[in-house]
C-alpha cells in the first residue's frame, strides 16, 4: 500500500495522463491488492492519487504551464519549483494510504 501511489506518480510523470497511468497500472494495482489481502478499491484509488501528484511534473504539463504564463522555454525553472511539492505530497499520501490499509485508518475505506 505504501508504494501504490508511487506507481501512479511514476506513470503520470512519464505519460502525462492519469487515464493512461490507470490503464497501464490499474490491473497491476488490483492484482497486487488481491494477492496481498488489501482492498482493491484502496490501491486503485492510490494509483489515481499518486497520478494527480505526478501530473505537475509531467513534461507536457510543464510546457503548457510555461506557455500559459508567458515563460516558454523556462520549463526547467517551473519544474524545480514544483518537484519538491510533488515528491513531498506523494510521500504524505503514501503514508496516509498505508495507514488506510491498516486498522489505524482502515475505517475510512469503504469497499
N, C-alpha and C. Protein backbone atom coordinates (compact mmCIF):
# COMPACT_ATOMS: atom_id res chain seq x y z
N UNK A 1 0.82 -1.20 0.00
CA UNK A 1 0.00 0.00 0.00
C UNK A 1 0.86 1.26 0.00
N UNK A 2 2.02 1.18 0.62
CA UNK A 2 2.90 2.34 0.70
C UNK A 2 3.44 2.74 -0.67
N UNK A 3 3.67 1.77 -1.54
CA UNK A 3 4.24 2.07 -2.86
C UNK A 3 3.19 2.32 -3.94
N UNK A 4 1.96 2.02 -3.65
CA UNK A 4 0.90 2.15 -4.65
C UNK A 4 0.78 3.56 -5.24
N UNK A 5 0.80 4.63 -4.45
CA UNK A 5 0.73 5.96 -5.06
C UNK A 5 1.99 6.31 -5.86
N UNK A 6 3.10 5.72 -5.48
CA UNK A 6 4.36 5.98 -6.20
C UNK A 6 4.28 5.42 -7.62
N UNK A 7 3.64 4.27 -7.77
CA UNK A 7 3.46 3.69 -9.10
C UNK A 7 2.61 4.62 -9.97
N UNK A 8 1.53 5.13 -9.42
CA UNK A 8 0.69 6.08 -10.14
C UNK A 8 1.43 7.37 -10.46
N UNK A 9 2.24 7.83 -9.52
CA UNK A 9 3.03 9.05 -9.71
C UNK A 9 3.99 8.87 -10.88
N UNK A 10 4.70 7.75 -10.89
CA UNK A 10 5.64 7.49 -11.98
C UNK A 10 4.93 7.37 -13.32
N UNK A 11 3.79 6.68 -13.32
CA UNK A 11 3.05 6.51 -14.56
C UNK A 11 2.61 7.82 -15.17
N UNK A 12 2.13 8.74 -14.37
CA UNK A 12 1.67 10.02 -14.90
C UNK A 12 2.85 10.94 -15.21
N UNK A 13 3.90 10.88 -14.42
CA UNK A 13 5.08 11.70 -14.70
C UNK A 13 5.66 11.35 -16.08
N UNK A 14 5.56 10.08 -16.46
CA UNK A 14 6.08 9.63 -17.75
C UNK A 14 5.08 9.85 -18.88
N UNK A 15 3.82 9.48 -18.66
CA UNK A 15 2.83 9.55 -19.74
C UNK A 15 2.13 10.89 -19.83
N UNK A 16 2.04 11.61 -18.73
CA UNK A 16 1.35 12.89 -18.72
C UNK A 16 -0.15 12.78 -18.54
N UNK A 17 -0.64 11.57 -18.32
CA UNK A 17 -2.09 11.37 -18.24
C UNK A 17 -2.43 10.40 -17.13
N UNK A 18 -3.35 10.81 -16.27
CA UNK A 18 -3.81 9.94 -15.20
C UNK A 18 -4.60 8.77 -15.79
N UNK A 19 -5.34 9.04 -16.84
CA UNK A 19 -6.09 7.97 -17.51
C UNK A 19 -5.15 6.91 -18.07
N UNK A 20 -4.07 7.35 -18.71
CA UNK A 20 -3.09 6.40 -19.26
C UNK A 20 -2.42 5.60 -18.16
N UNK A 21 -2.05 6.26 -17.07
CA UNK A 21 -1.40 5.55 -15.97
C UNK A 21 -2.36 4.55 -15.33
N UNK A 22 -3.63 4.92 -15.21
CA UNK A 22 -4.62 3.99 -14.67
C UNK A 22 -4.80 2.79 -15.60
N UNK A 23 -4.78 3.04 -16.90
CA UNK A 23 -4.88 1.94 -17.86
C UNK A 23 -3.66 1.03 -17.78
N UNK A 24 -2.49 1.64 -17.63
CA UNK A 24 -1.26 0.86 -17.56
C UNK A 24 -1.14 0.05 -16.27
N UNK A 25 -1.47 0.67 -15.16
CA UNK A 25 -1.18 0.07 -13.86
C UNK A 25 -2.40 -0.33 -13.04
N UNK A 26 -3.59 -0.07 -13.55
CA UNK A 26 -4.80 -0.40 -12.80
C UNK A 26 -4.92 -1.88 -12.48
N UNK A 27 -4.72 -2.71 -13.48
CA UNK A 27 -4.81 -4.16 -13.27
C UNK A 27 -3.71 -4.62 -12.32
N UNK A 28 -2.53 -4.04 -12.46
CA UNK A 28 -1.42 -4.37 -11.55
C UNK A 28 -1.79 -4.05 -10.11
N UNK A 29 -2.39 -2.88 -9.88
CA UNK A 29 -2.76 -2.47 -8.53
C UNK A 29 -3.83 -3.39 -7.94
N UNK A 30 -4.84 -3.71 -8.73
CA UNK A 30 -5.92 -4.58 -8.24
C UNK A 30 -5.40 -5.99 -7.98
N UNK A 31 -4.56 -6.50 -8.86
CA UNK A 31 -3.97 -7.83 -8.66
C UNK A 31 -3.08 -7.86 -7.42
N UNK A 32 -2.28 -6.82 -7.25
CA UNK A 32 -1.41 -6.75 -6.07
C UNK A 32 -2.25 -6.70 -4.79
N UNK A 33 -3.35 -5.96 -4.84
CA UNK A 33 -4.23 -5.87 -3.67
C UNK A 33 -4.81 -7.23 -3.32
N UNK A 34 -5.30 -7.93 -4.32
CA UNK A 34 -5.89 -9.25 -4.06
C UNK A 34 -4.86 -10.24 -3.55
N UNK A 35 -3.66 -10.19 -4.10
CA UNK A 35 -2.61 -11.13 -3.68
C UNK A 35 -2.10 -10.85 -2.27
N UNK A 36 -2.20 -9.61 -1.84
CA UNK A 36 -1.69 -9.24 -0.51
C UNK A 36 -2.79 -9.11 0.53
N UNK A 37 -4.04 -9.31 0.12
CA UNK A 37 -5.14 -9.22 1.06
C UNK A 37 -5.59 -7.80 1.36
N UNK A 38 -5.23 -6.86 0.51
CA UNK A 38 -5.65 -5.47 0.69
C UNK A 38 -6.89 -5.19 -0.14
N UNK A 39 -7.52 -4.07 0.12
CA UNK A 39 -8.72 -3.67 -0.61
C UNK A 39 -8.33 -3.18 -2.00
N UNK A 40 -8.83 -3.81 -3.07
CA UNK A 40 -8.52 -3.37 -4.43
C UNK A 40 -8.95 -1.93 -4.71
N UNK A 41 -10.05 -1.49 -4.10
CA UNK A 41 -10.51 -0.11 -4.30
C UNK A 41 -9.48 0.87 -3.73
N UNK A 42 -8.89 0.54 -2.60
CA UNK A 42 -7.89 1.41 -1.99
C UNK A 42 -6.68 1.57 -2.90
N UNK A 43 -6.15 0.46 -3.42
CA UNK A 43 -4.96 0.57 -4.24
C UNK A 43 -5.24 1.21 -5.60
N UNK A 44 -6.42 0.96 -6.15
CA UNK A 44 -6.78 1.64 -7.40
C UNK A 44 -6.89 3.15 -7.18
N UNK A 45 -7.49 3.54 -6.07
CA UNK A 45 -7.60 4.96 -5.73
C UNK A 45 -6.22 5.55 -5.44
N UNK A 46 -5.36 4.77 -4.82
CA UNK A 46 -4.00 5.24 -4.53
C UNK A 46 -3.23 5.50 -5.81
N UNK A 47 -3.45 4.66 -6.82
CA UNK A 47 -2.81 4.85 -8.12
C UNK A 47 -3.23 6.20 -8.71
N UNK A 48 -4.52 6.51 -8.64
CA UNK A 48 -5.01 7.79 -9.16
C UNK A 48 -4.50 8.97 -8.34
N UNK A 49 -4.44 8.79 -7.04
CA UNK A 49 -3.95 9.86 -6.16
C UNK A 49 -2.50 10.19 -6.49
N UNK A 50 -1.68 9.18 -6.62
CA UNK A 50 -0.28 9.40 -7.00
C UNK A 50 -0.18 10.03 -8.37
N UNK A 51 -1.07 9.63 -9.26
CA UNK A 51 -1.07 10.19 -10.60
C UNK A 51 -1.33 11.68 -10.62
N UNK A 52 -2.27 12.11 -9.82
CA UNK A 52 -2.58 13.54 -9.76
C UNK A 52 -1.35 14.32 -9.28
N UNK A 53 -0.62 13.76 -8.36
CA UNK A 53 0.57 14.44 -7.82
C UNK A 53 1.74 14.39 -8.79
N UNK A 54 1.75 13.41 -9.68
CA UNK A 54 2.80 13.33 -10.70
C UNK A 54 2.53 14.23 -11.89
N UNK A 55 1.29 14.63 -12.05
CA UNK A 55 0.90 15.44 -13.20
C UNK A 55 1.63 16.78 -13.24
N UNK A 56 1.91 17.34 -12.06
CA UNK A 56 2.55 18.65 -12.05
C UNK A 56 3.98 18.64 -12.54
N UNK A 57 4.60 17.47 -12.66
CA UNK A 57 5.98 17.43 -13.19
C UNK A 57 6.05 16.76 -14.55
N UNK A 58 4.91 16.45 -15.13
CA UNK A 58 4.87 15.86 -16.45
C UNK A 58 5.39 16.86 -17.48
N UNK A 59 6.29 16.44 -18.38
CA UNK A 59 6.85 17.38 -19.36
C UNK A 59 5.81 18.14 -20.18
N UNK A 60 4.76 17.45 -20.62
CA UNK A 60 3.76 18.16 -21.43
C UNK A 60 3.01 19.20 -20.60
N UNK A 61 2.76 18.91 -19.35
CA UNK A 61 2.08 19.89 -18.50
C UNK A 61 2.99 21.07 -18.15
N UNK A 62 4.28 20.80 -18.01
CA UNK A 62 5.22 21.89 -17.77
C UNK A 62 5.28 22.82 -18.98
N UNK A 63 5.24 22.24 -20.18
CA UNK A 63 5.28 23.06 -21.40
C UNK A 63 4.02 23.91 -21.52
N UNK A 64 2.87 23.33 -21.23
CA UNK A 64 1.62 24.08 -21.29
C UNK A 64 1.62 25.19 -20.24
N UNK A 65 2.06 24.88 -19.04
CA UNK A 65 2.10 25.89 -17.98
C UNK A 65 3.05 27.04 -18.35
N UNK A 66 4.22 26.71 -18.88
CA UNK A 66 5.18 27.75 -19.26
C UNK A 66 4.61 28.64 -20.35
N UNK A 67 3.94 28.05 -21.33
CA UNK A 67 3.35 28.85 -22.40
C UNK A 67 2.21 29.72 -21.88
N UNK A 68 1.43 29.18 -20.96
CA UNK A 68 0.27 29.91 -20.44
C UNK A 68 0.65 31.14 -19.64
N UNK A 69 1.80 31.10 -19.00
CA UNK A 69 2.20 32.25 -18.17
C UNK A 69 3.28 33.10 -18.85
N UNK A 70 3.50 32.83 -20.14
CA UNK A 70 4.46 33.63 -20.89
C UNK A 70 5.91 33.33 -20.56
N UNK A 71 6.20 32.11 -20.12
CA UNK A 71 7.57 31.72 -19.78
C UNK A 71 8.05 30.56 -20.66
N UNK A 72 7.64 30.53 -21.92
CA UNK A 72 8.05 29.45 -22.81
C UNK A 72 9.57 29.33 -22.79
N UNK A 73 10.05 28.11 -22.67
CA UNK A 73 11.49 27.86 -22.57
C UNK A 73 11.99 27.82 -21.14
N UNK A 74 11.12 28.10 -20.19
CA UNK A 74 11.51 28.10 -18.77
C UNK A 74 10.92 26.93 -18.02
N UNK A 75 10.68 25.84 -18.73
CA UNK A 75 10.08 24.67 -18.10
C UNK A 75 10.92 24.14 -16.94
N UNK A 76 12.25 24.22 -17.08
CA UNK A 76 13.12 23.71 -16.01
C UNK A 76 12.97 24.53 -14.73
N UNK A 77 12.72 25.82 -14.87
CA UNK A 77 12.51 26.67 -13.70
C UNK A 77 11.23 26.27 -12.97
N UNK A 78 10.18 26.05 -13.76
CA UNK A 78 8.91 25.63 -13.16
C UNK A 78 9.07 24.25 -12.52
N UNK A 79 9.76 23.36 -13.21
CA UNK A 79 9.99 22.02 -12.67
C UNK A 79 10.67 22.08 -11.31
N UNK A 80 11.74 22.87 -11.21
CA UNK A 80 12.47 22.97 -9.95
C UNK A 80 11.59 23.51 -8.82
N UNK A 81 10.63 24.35 -9.16
CA UNK A 81 9.75 24.91 -8.12
C UNK A 81 8.67 23.94 -7.67
N UNK A 82 8.26 23.01 -8.54
CA UNK A 82 7.15 22.13 -8.17
C UNK A 82 7.57 20.71 -7.82
N UNK A 83 8.77 20.29 -8.18
CA UNK A 83 9.16 18.90 -7.94
C UNK A 83 9.18 18.56 -6.45
N UNK A 84 9.60 19.48 -5.63
CA UNK A 84 9.60 19.25 -4.18
C UNK A 84 8.19 19.03 -3.64
N UNK A 85 7.26 19.87 -4.11
CA UNK A 85 5.86 19.72 -3.71
C UNK A 85 5.31 18.38 -4.17
N UNK A 86 5.63 18.02 -5.40
CA UNK A 86 5.14 16.76 -5.95
C UNK A 86 5.64 15.57 -5.14
N UNK A 87 6.93 15.53 -4.88
CA UNK A 87 7.52 14.43 -4.11
C UNK A 87 7.04 14.43 -2.66
N UNK A 88 7.00 15.60 -2.06
CA UNK A 88 6.57 15.71 -0.67
C UNK A 88 5.13 15.27 -0.46
N UNK A 89 4.25 15.76 -1.32
CA UNK A 89 2.84 15.37 -1.19
C UNK A 89 2.64 13.89 -1.51
N UNK A 90 3.41 13.36 -2.44
CA UNK A 90 3.33 11.92 -2.72
C UNK A 90 3.73 11.12 -1.49
N UNK A 91 4.78 11.55 -0.81
CA UNK A 91 5.21 10.86 0.41
C UNK A 91 4.15 10.94 1.50
N UNK A 92 3.55 12.11 1.66
CA UNK A 92 2.49 12.27 2.67
C UNK A 92 1.32 11.35 2.36
N UNK A 93 0.87 11.34 1.11
CA UNK A 93 -0.26 10.50 0.75
C UNK A 93 0.09 9.02 0.79
N UNK A 94 1.34 8.66 0.51
CA UNK A 94 1.75 7.26 0.61
C UNK A 94 1.59 6.77 2.05
N UNK A 95 2.00 7.57 3.01
CA UNK A 95 1.85 7.21 4.42
C UNK A 95 0.36 7.16 4.79
N UNK A 96 -0.40 8.13 4.33
CA UNK A 96 -1.84 8.17 4.61
C UNK A 96 -2.54 6.94 4.05
N UNK A 97 -2.20 6.56 2.82
CA UNK A 97 -2.81 5.38 2.20
C UNK A 97 -2.36 4.10 2.90
N UNK A 98 -1.10 4.07 3.31
CA UNK A 98 -0.63 2.91 4.09
C UNK A 98 -1.45 2.78 5.37
N UNK A 99 -1.66 3.88 6.06
CA UNK A 99 -2.45 3.84 7.30
C UNK A 99 -3.90 3.42 7.03
N UNK A 100 -4.41 3.74 5.85
CA UNK A 100 -5.76 3.29 5.50
C UNK A 100 -5.80 1.79 5.25
N UNK A 101 -4.66 1.20 4.96
CA UNK A 101 -4.63 -0.26 4.75
C UNK A 101 -4.45 -1.02 6.06
N UNK A 102 -4.34 -0.29 7.16
CA UNK A 102 -4.18 -0.89 8.49
C UNK A 102 -5.42 -0.56 9.32
N UNK A 103 -5.54 -1.18 10.48
CA UNK A 103 -6.68 -0.84 11.35
C UNK A 103 -6.69 0.61 11.84
N UNK A 104 -5.55 1.29 11.76
CA UNK A 104 -5.48 2.68 12.25
C UNK A 104 -6.49 3.57 11.51
N UNK A 105 -6.47 3.54 10.19
CA UNK A 105 -7.40 4.34 9.39
C UNK A 105 -8.22 3.47 8.44
N UNK A 106 -8.23 2.19 8.66
CA UNK A 106 -8.96 1.29 7.80
C UNK A 106 -10.46 1.55 7.76
N UNK A 107 -10.98 2.17 8.79
CA UNK A 107 -12.40 2.50 8.85
C UNK A 107 -12.80 3.50 7.77
N UNK A 108 -11.83 4.20 7.18
CA UNK A 108 -12.13 5.20 6.16
C UNK A 108 -12.42 4.57 4.79
N UNK A 109 -11.96 3.35 4.59
CA UNK A 109 -12.09 2.71 3.28
C UNK A 109 -13.41 1.96 3.21
N UNK A 110 -14.22 2.35 2.26
CA UNK A 110 -15.50 1.69 2.04
C UNK A 110 -15.39 0.93 0.72
N UNK A 111 -15.52 -0.37 0.80
CA UNK A 111 -15.40 -1.11 -0.46
C UNK A 111 -15.56 -2.58 -0.30
